[in-house]
Amino acid sequence: MTMKKIKFFMLAAMTLLAGTSFTSCSGDNTDDNEEKYQDIVLQTVKSQKVNNQAILLVAFGSTWPEAFNDFDETVEAYKKEFPGYDVYISFSSAICRNRAAAGEHEEDLGAEKRNYYAPERWLNAFGKVEYADITVQSLQVIPGEEYGRVVNALKDFANNGYNDLRNDYLKNVKIHLGTPLMATGKDDPDDGETDVTKLADELHTIYGDKANEGAMLFMGHGNPDEFDTYSANVRYTQLETALQKKNVNYFVGTVDMMENFKTNVKERMQAAGYTSGKVFCAPLMSIAGDHANNDMAGDDDKWELNDDGEYEETSWKVYFSDPLGGSYDCSGETMIVKGLLSYPAIRQLWINHTHAAQEEDLDWFHSNDGTE
């Protein structure tokens, strides 16, 4: 382990209390640490509460400064769109929360230390100050495993998961859930407008000139098959179909979906007759973090196949420029390292989901003391 990594993990350990969770190696003060962590979040909410309505944005998370900027701009866009609401943002990933609090990219990229608390902690604090109206908006792209965590956090809140909120309050608080960017889709985009077709429209507006010049590839994350909770992986193939209605040079792959790796994308490209020329790549993710900077636009060129038959340690940039990946014109100049949240028109699609969510009050309350 390098000295840089050793220093980072020491920082992560030192900032654990402030960043994500409170655990004890000895196991004798875990409850006290959990209480301290919850109190930090509660005091943060008390200091920021202005309105009686709250919106909690939930992203998977990142530690890259560009991602922090996109998250900041998204919060500000929500404050402008929903002036009667207090707006907060959370990371669902404990690893991202820890690393952001430790300042993973503080020295090399100048990313400041950030605290993005767990969604369940924010919600508990909202209940403690008794917000009358709470909207949770998923910033996920597909309704997969991470979205499932968002749903579960809100359900736990509605059912008094920590057993420290008033049932009278929970019976009357209005709660809403905003769905991911591609919550709906159809295999045939001509069958009607869906989230997938709306996103395809915006992507074509942004990247249409690149598709006219060469192959335009989008790199999504994907769900491992065993976690394909809401049949989310089909959204990628539906998006590719919708985009190819506009230009046959669009392709959509993932870093973690069986049968839709970059090797599979190459097979589809060559089957379609695209065997030479430029290859542009952009992340189909809310922000440009580790996957965009490393898996897509990085310089990794390890050519060992993993158990899934994918060159996992080879970046898209290196793969598509190599003879094994097709010898395309693919380089740093054709990498577009920019997340979806950085585009106002795409960010507005999430905002539209929030408006739609607020039209329905979720009836998820079930008391834990036998009363309704």
Protein backbone atom coordinates (compact mmCIF):
# COMPACT_ATOMS: atom_id res chain seq x y z
CA MET A 1 0.00 0.00 0.00
CA THR A 2 1.37 3.41 -0.97
CA MET A 3 1.98 6.15 1.58
CA LYS A 4 -0.75 8.20 -0.11
CA LYS A 5 -3.31 5.42 0.40
CA ILE A 6 -2.17 4.86 3.97
CA LYS A 7 -2.62 8.57 4.68
CA PHE A 8 -6.06 8.55 3.08
CA PHE A 9 -7.35 5.64 5.11
CA MET A 10 -6.00 7.24 8.29
CA LEU A 11 -7.95 10.38 7.40
CA ALA A 12 -11.04 8.29 6.71
CA ALA A 13 -10.81 6.71 10.12
CA MET A 14 -10.31 10.08 11.82
CA THR A 15 -13.31 11.62 10.09
CA LEU A 16 -15.69 8.69 10.44
CA LEU A 17 -17.62 10.36 13.24
CA ALA A 18 -18.26 13.49 11.23
CA GLY A 19 -18.83 11.78 7.92
CA THR A 20 -21.03 8.76 7.96
CA SER A 21 -21.53 6.40 10.81
CA PHE A 22 -20.43 5.71 14.33
CA THR A 23 -19.08 2.26 15.04
CA SER A 24 -16.96 0.83 17.81
CA CYS A 25 -14.24 -1.77 17.50
CA SER A 26 -14.92 -2.90 21.05
CA GLY A 27 -18.70 -2.81 20.58
CA ASP A 28 -19.36 -1.13 23.92
CA ASN A 29 -20.33 2.35 22.75
CA THR A 30 -21.96 1.80 19.37
CA ASP A 31 -25.32 3.10 20.58
CA ASP A 32 -23.69 6.23 21.99
CA ASN A 33 -21.89 6.85 18.69
CA GLU A 34 -25.07 6.35 16.69
CA GLU A 35 -26.81 8.83 18.92
CA LYS A 36 -24.01 11.37 18.46
CA TYR A 37 -24.16 10.96 14.70
CA GLN A 38 -27.92 11.44 14.64
CA ASP A 39 -27.58 14.51 16.84
CA ILE A 40 -25.08 16.06 14.41
CA VAL A 41 -27.59 15.66 11.59
CA LEU A 42 -30.42 16.95 13.78
CA GLN A 43 -28.48 20.07 14.72
CA THR A 44 -27.69 20.64 11.04
CA VAL A 45 -31.39 20.48 10.17
CA LYS A 46 -32.35 22.75 13.05
CA SER A 47 -29.81 25.33 11.91
CA GLN A 48 -31.03 25.23 8.28
CA LYS A 49 -34.78 24.89 8.76
CA VAL A 50 -36.64 27.88 7.33
CA ASN A 51 -39.79 26.36 5.85
CA ASN A 52 -42.18 23.65 6.97
CA GLN A 53 -41.59 21.55 3.84
CA ALA A 54 -38.41 19.70 2.91
CA ILE A 55 -36.91 18.02 -0.15
CA LEU A 56 -34.17 15.43 0.29
CA LEU A 57 -32.14 14.64 -2.83
CA VAL A 58 -30.48 11.23 -2.65
CA ALA A 59 -27.49 10.44 -4.87
CA PHE A 60 -25.24 7.41 -4.75
CA GLY A 61 -22.31 9.75 -4.08
CA SER A 62 -18.86 10.76 -5.25
CA THR A 63 -15.67 12.41 -4.01
CA TRP A 64 -14.70 14.30 -7.17
CA PRO A 65 -14.78 18.14 -7.10
CA GLU A 66 -16.70 18.29 -10.40
CA ALA A 67 -19.35 16.06 -8.85
CA PHE A 68 -19.56 18.30 -5.79
CA ASN A 69 -20.12 21.25 -8.13
CA ASP A 70 -22.93 19.42 -9.93
CA PHE A 71 -24.55 18.51 -6.63
CA ASP A 72 -24.30 22.13 -5.45
CA GLU A 73 -25.86 23.41 -8.68
CA THR A 74 -28.64 20.84 -8.39
CA VAL A 75 -29.47 21.92 -4.84
CA GLU A 76 -29.58 25.55 -5.98
CA ALA A 77 -31.79 24.64 -8.94
CA TYR A 78 -34.21 22.89 -6.55
CA LYS A 79 -34.27 25.86 -4.21
CA LYS A 80 -35.18 28.08 -7.14
CA GLU A 81 -37.85 25.68 -8.43
CA PHE A 82 -39.33 25.00 -4.98
CA PRO A 83 -39.03 28.28 -3.02
CA GLY A 84 -41.23 27.07 -0.17
CA TYR A 85 -39.00 24.09 0.60
CA ASP A 86 -35.77 23.51 2.48
CA VAL A 87 -33.50 21.42 0.25
CA TYR A 88 -30.93 18.89 1.48
CA ILE A 89 -28.75 16.32 -0.27
CA SER A 90 -27.62 12.88 0.85
CA PHE A 91 -25.36 10.03 -0.29
CA SER A 92 -26.75 6.50 -0.13
CA SER A 93 -23.23 5.01 -0.36
CA ALA A 94 -21.42 4.67 2.98
CA ILE A 95 -18.09 4.41 1.14
CA CYS A 96 -18.71 7.70 -0.65
CA ARG A 97 -19.83 9.37 2.57
CA ASN A 98 -16.68 8.24 4.37
CA ARG A 99 -14.34 9.21 1.56
CA ALA A 100 -15.99 12.58 0.97
CA ALA A 101 -15.65 13.37 4.70
CA ALA A 102 -12.01 12.26 4.62
CA GLY A 103 -11.24 14.45 1.58
CA GLU A 104 -10.17 11.67 -0.77
CA HIS A 105 -9.29 14.11 -3.56
CA GLU A 106 -8.31 17.04 -1.37
CA GLU A 107 -4.58 16.89 -2.13
CA ASP A 108 -4.59 15.85 -5.79
CA LEU A 109 -7.68 17.70 -7.07
CA GLY A 110 -8.46 20.25 -4.39
CA ALA A 111 -11.78 18.69 -3.36
CA GLU A 112 -12.81 19.99 0.04
CA LYS A 113 -13.99 17.66 2.78
CA ARG A 114 -17.76 17.28 2.62
CA ASN A 115 -20.38 15.67 4.89
CA TYR A 116 -23.22 14.02 3.00
CA TYR A 117 -25.19 12.20 5.68
CA ALA A 118 -27.16 8.99 5.19
CA PRO A 119 -30.75 9.45 3.93
CA GLU A 120 -32.27 7.65 6.92
CA ARG A 121 -30.49 10.09 9.27
CA TRP A 122 -31.79 13.12 7.41
CA LEU A 123 -35.31 11.70 7.48
CA ASN A 124 -35.15 10.99 11.18
CA ALA A 125 -34.02 14.56 11.79
CA PHE A 126 -36.87 15.83 9.59
CA GLY A 127 -39.24 13.89 11.82
CA LYS A 128 -37.68 15.33 14.96
CA VAL A 129 -38.29 18.90 13.79
CA GLU A 130 -41.63 17.71 12.38
CA TYR A 131 -41.61 18.95 8.82
CA ALA A 132 -45.20 18.80 7.61
CA ASP A 133 -44.33 17.81 4.04
CA ILE A 134 -41.31 15.70 2.97
CA THR A 135 -40.30 14.79 -0.56
CA VAL A 136 -37.47 12.36 -1.25
CA GLN A 137 -36.09 12.59 -4.78
CA SER A 138 -33.87 9.85 -6.16
CA LEU A 139 -30.98 11.14 -8.27
CA GLN A 140 -30.38 7.67 -9.69
CA VAL A 141 -30.55 7.13 -13.45
CA ILE A 142 -32.28 3.72 -13.38
CA PRO A 143 -34.66 2.21 -10.81
CA GLY A 144 -32.21 -0.40 -9.58
CA GLU A 145 -30.53 -1.51 -6.37
CA GLU A 146 -29.60 1.99 -5.22
CA TYR A 147 -33.12 3.24 -5.82
CA GLY A 148 -34.34 0.33 -3.70
CA ARG A 149 -32.27 1.72 -0.83
CA VAL A 150 -33.97 5.09 -1.24
CA VAL A 151 -37.40 3.45 -1.14
CA ASN A 152 -36.49 1.45 1.96
CA ALA A 153 -35.17 4.50 3.78
CA LEU A 154 -38.45 6.34 3.22
CA LYS A 155 -40.50 3.31 4.24
CA ASP A 156 -38.48 2.94 7.43
CA PHE A 157 -39.10 6.59 8.23
CA ALA A 158 -42.82 6.26 7.60
CA ASN A 159 -42.91 3.29 9.96
CA ASN A 160 -40.85 4.92 12.73
CA GLY A 161 -37.78 2.79 12.14
CA TYR A 162 -35.87 4.30 15.06
CA ASN A 163 -38.96 4.24 17.29
CA ASP A 164 -38.39 7.81 18.42
CA LEU A 165 -40.96 9.81 16.44
CA ARG A 166 -44.54 10.57 17.43
CA ASN A 167 -47.16 8.37 15.78
CA ASP A 168 -49.55 11.32 15.66
CA TYR A 169 -46.96 13.16 13.60
CA LEU A 170 -46.28 10.23 11.25
CA LYS A 171 -49.99 9.74 10.65
CA ASN A 172 -50.31 13.29 9.36
CA VAL A 173 -47.00 14.13 7.68
CA LYS A 174 -47.18 14.16 3.89
CA ILE A 175 -44.48 12.10 2.20
CA HIS A 176 -43.63 11.83 -1.50
CA LEU A 177 -41.12 9.85 -3.55
CA GLY A 178 -39.59 11.12 -6.80
CA THR A 179 -38.51 8.38 -9.19
CA PRO A 180 -35.17 7.99 -11.05
CA LEU A 181 -34.41 9.56 -14.40
CA MET A 182 -35.45 6.50 -16.45
CA ALA A 183 -38.25 5.14 -14.28
CA THR A 184 -40.43 4.30 -17.29
CA GLY A 185 -39.66 2.95 -20.74
CA LYS A 186 -40.98 0.79 -23.56
CA ASP A 187 -39.18 -1.56 -25.91
CA ASP A 188 -40.66 0.28 -28.88
CA PRO A 189 -40.22 4.05 -28.44
CA ASP A 190 -43.01 4.64 -30.96
CA ASP A 191 -45.50 3.21 -28.45
CA GLY A 192 -45.65 6.49 -26.54
CA GLU A 193 -43.65 9.00 -24.54
CA THR A 194 -41.76 7.64 -21.54
CA ASP A 195 -38.88 8.75 -19.34
CA VAL A 196 -36.58 6.94 -21.75
CA THR A 197 -37.82 8.81 -24.81
CA LYS A 198 -37.65 12.14 -22.97
CA LEU A 199 -34.03 11.48 -22.04
CA ALA A 200 -33.26 10.35 -25.59
CA ASP A 201 -34.60 13.67 -26.89
CA GLU A 202 -32.36 15.67 -24.58
CA LEU A 203 -29.29 13.52 -25.24
CA HIS A 204 -29.76 13.89 -28.97
CA THR A 205 -30.01 17.65 -28.61
CA ILE A 206 -26.72 17.68 -26.70
CA TYR A 207 -24.76 14.99 -28.55
CA GLY A 208 -26.33 14.94 -32.02
CA ASP A 209 -23.33 16.59 -33.64
CA LYS A 210 -21.04 13.90 -32.20
CA ALA A 211 -23.29 11.13 -33.56
CA ASN A 212 -23.06 12.76 -36.99
CA GLU A 213 -19.28 12.72 -36.77
CA GLY A 214 -18.74 9.22 -35.34
CA ALA A 215 -20.07 6.63 -32.93
CA MET A 216 -21.51 8.21 -29.77
CA LEU A 217 -21.23 5.82 -26.82
CA PHE A 218 -22.86 6.27 -23.41
CA MET A 219 -21.48 4.42 -20.39
CA GLY A 220 -24.07 3.60 -17.73
CA HIS A 221 -23.45 1.78 -14.48
CA GLY A 222 -25.88 -1.13 -14.67
CA ASN A 223 -27.12 -3.53 -12.04
CA PRO A 224 -25.63 -6.96 -11.48
CA ASP A 225 -28.34 -9.37 -12.59
CA GLU A 226 -29.12 -10.58 -9.07
CA PHE A 227 -29.91 -7.02 -8.00
CA ASP A 228 -32.06 -6.07 -11.00
CA THR A 229 -34.81 -5.09 -8.57
CA TYR A 230 -37.17 -3.24 -10.89
CA SER A 231 -35.97 -4.78 -14.19
CA ALA A 232 -33.86 -1.66 -14.42
CA ASN A 233 -31.25 -2.95 -16.85
CA VAL A 234 -33.74 -3.00 -19.70
CA ARG A 235 -33.75 0.80 -19.60
CA TYR A 236 -30.28 0.85 -21.21
CA THR A 237 -31.36 -1.21 -24.20
CA GLN A 238 -34.58 0.79 -24.47
CA LEU A 239 -32.55 4.01 -24.48
CA GLU A 240 -30.23 2.70 -27.20
CA THR A 241 -33.27 1.79 -29.31
CA ALA A 242 -34.81 5.23 -28.79
CA LEU A 243 -31.54 6.99 -29.65
CA GLN A 244 -30.97 4.89 -32.76
CA LYS A 245 -34.33 6.07 -34.04
CA LYS A 246 -32.61 9.44 -34.27
CA ASN A 247 -29.15 8.29 -35.39
CA VAL A 248 -27.82 4.75 -35.83
CA ASN A 249 -24.46 5.82 -34.40
CA TYR A 250 -25.70 5.87 -30.80
CA PHE A 251 -24.79 2.99 -28.48
CA VAL A 252 -25.40 2.44 -24.77
CA GLY A 253 -23.26 0.12 -22.61
CA THR A 254 -22.46 -0.33 -18.93
CA VAL A 255 -19.68 -1.18 -16.54
CA ASP A 256 -21.71 -3.68 -14.50
CA MET A 257 -24.44 -5.31 -16.58
CA MET A 258 -24.01 -8.78 -17.98
CA GLU A 259 -24.17 -8.86 -21.79
CA ASN A 260 -23.85 -5.09 -22.08
CA PHE A 261 -20.16 -4.43 -21.40
CA LYS A 262 -17.92 -2.47 -23.75
CA THR A 263 -17.07 -5.73 -25.53
CA ASN A 264 -20.77 -6.21 -26.30
CA VAL A 265 -21.04 -2.61 -27.47
CA LYS A 266 -18.20 -3.23 -29.92
CA GLU A 267 -19.99 -6.30 -31.27
CA ARG A 268 -23.15 -4.27 -31.89
CA MET A 269 -21.16 -1.48 -33.53
CA GLN A 270 -19.43 -3.83 -35.92
CA ALA A 271 -22.64 -5.74 -36.66
CA ALA A 272 -24.16 -2.39 -37.63
CA GLY A 273 -21.24 -1.75 -40.00
CA TYR A 274 -19.38 0.79 -37.88
CA THR A 275 -15.88 -0.69 -38.13
CA SER A 276 -13.70 2.43 -38.25
CA GLY A 277 -13.81 6.13 -37.42
CA LYS A 278 -14.23 8.22 -34.32
CA VAL A 279 -15.65 6.93 -31.07
CA PHE A 280 -16.96 9.47 -28.56
CA CYS A 281 -17.76 8.41 -24.99
CA ALA A 282 -19.82 10.11 -22.28
CA PRO A 283 -21.05 8.88 -18.89
CA LEU A 284 -24.73 8.00 -18.57
CA MET A 285 -24.52 8.82 -14.88
CA SER A 286 -25.74 11.70 -12.76
CA ILE A 287 -22.18 12.92 -12.19
CA ALA A 288 -18.71 12.32 -13.60
CA GLY A 289 -16.85 10.51 -10.83
CA ASP A 290 -14.61 7.46 -10.59
CA HIS A 291 -16.35 5.53 -13.36
CA ALA A 292 -16.24 8.41 -15.82
CA ASN A 293 -12.69 9.48 -15.03
CA ASN A 294 -11.19 6.01 -14.68
CA ASP A 295 -13.34 3.27 -16.25
CA MET A 296 -14.26 5.42 -19.22
CA ALA A 297 -11.56 8.04 -19.77
CA GLY A 298 -8.68 6.56 -17.77
CA ASP A 299 -5.43 5.01 -18.97
CA ASP A 300 -5.84 1.51 -17.50
CA ASP A 301 -4.76 -1.12 -20.03
CA LYS A 302 -4.82 -4.45 -18.22
CA TRP A 303 -6.04 -7.10 -20.61
CA GLU A 304 -7.04 -9.97 -18.33
CA LEU A 305 -10.61 -11.19 -18.73
CA ASN A 306 -12.65 -11.34 -15.53
CA ASP A 307 -15.11 -14.11 -14.65
CA ASP A 308 -17.83 -12.34 -16.65
CA GLY A 309 -15.72 -12.32 -19.81
CA GLU A 310 -15.00 -8.58 -19.66
CA TYR A 311 -11.75 -6.63 -19.73
CA GLU A 312 -12.72 -4.95 -16.49
CA GLU A 313 -9.40 -3.18 -15.88
CA THR A 314 -9.20 -1.70 -19.37
CA SER A 315 -10.77 1.74 -19.84
CA TRP A 316 -13.18 2.42 -22.66
CA LYS A 317 -10.72 4.95 -24.10
CA VAL A 318 -7.91 2.39 -24.24
CA TYR A 319 -10.13 -0.50 -25.34
CA PHE A 320 -11.70 1.17 -28.36
CA SER A 321 -8.37 2.61 -29.55
CA ASP A 322 -6.70 -0.81 -29.35
CA PRO A 323 -6.88 -3.41 -32.18
CA LEU A 324 -8.75 -5.74 -29.81
CA GLY A 325 -11.45 -3.10 -29.36
CA GLY A 326 -11.66 -2.17 -33.02
CA SER A 327 -8.77 0.28 -33.60
CA TYR A 328 -11.12 3.23 -33.59
CA ASP A 329 -10.11 6.87 -33.36
CA CYS A 330 -10.69 7.05 -29.61
CA SER A 331 -8.57 9.26 -27.37
CA GLY A 332 -8.67 11.85 -24.63
CA GLU A 333 -10.07 14.28 -27.18
CA THR A 334 -13.17 12.11 -27.74
CA MET A 335 -13.89 11.59 -24.04
CA ILE A 336 -16.69 13.82 -22.73
CA VAL A 337 -16.28 13.66 -18.95
CA LYS A 338 -19.48 15.39 -17.92
CA GLY A 339 -22.34 14.05 -15.78
CA LEU A 340 -26.03 14.31 -16.62
CA LEU A 341 -26.78 16.68 -13.74
CA SER A 342 -24.48 19.26 -15.31
CA TYR A 343 -26.97 19.72 -18.16
CA PRO A 344 -29.89 21.96 -17.05
CA ALA A 345 -32.32 20.34 -19.49
CA ILE A 346 -31.63 16.86 -18.14
CA ARG A 347 -31.62 18.09 -14.56
CA GLN A 348 -35.08 19.46 -15.28
CA LEU A 349 -36.30 15.91 -16.00
CA TRP A 350 -35.51 14.99 -12.40
CA ILE A 351 -37.22 18.17 -11.23
CA ASN A 352 -40.29 17.21 -13.25
CA HIS A 353 -40.34 13.87 -11.41
CA THR A 354 -40.34 15.78 -8.13
CA HIS A 355 -43.34 17.86 -9.21
CA ALA A 356 -45.16 14.68 -10.21
CA ALA A 357 -44.32 13.01 -6.89
CA GLN A 358 -45.80 15.89 -4.92
CA GLU A 359 -49.18 15.26 -6.53
CA GLU A 360 -49.48 12.00 -4.56
CA ASP A 361 -49.32 11.49 -0.80
CA LEU A 362 -47.88 8.08 0.08
CA ASP A 363 -49.86 6.12 2.64
CA TRP A 364 -46.98 4.12 4.14
CA PHE A 365 -47.55 4.69 7.85
CA HIS A 366 -48.11 1.70 10.11
CA SER A 367 -47.76 2.32 13.81
CA ASN A 368 -45.47 0.15 15.89
CA ASP A 369 -47.60 0.42 19.03
CA GLY A 370 -50.81 -1.14 17.74
CA THR A 371 -52.55 2.17 17.00
CA GLU A 372 -53.42 3.51 13.56
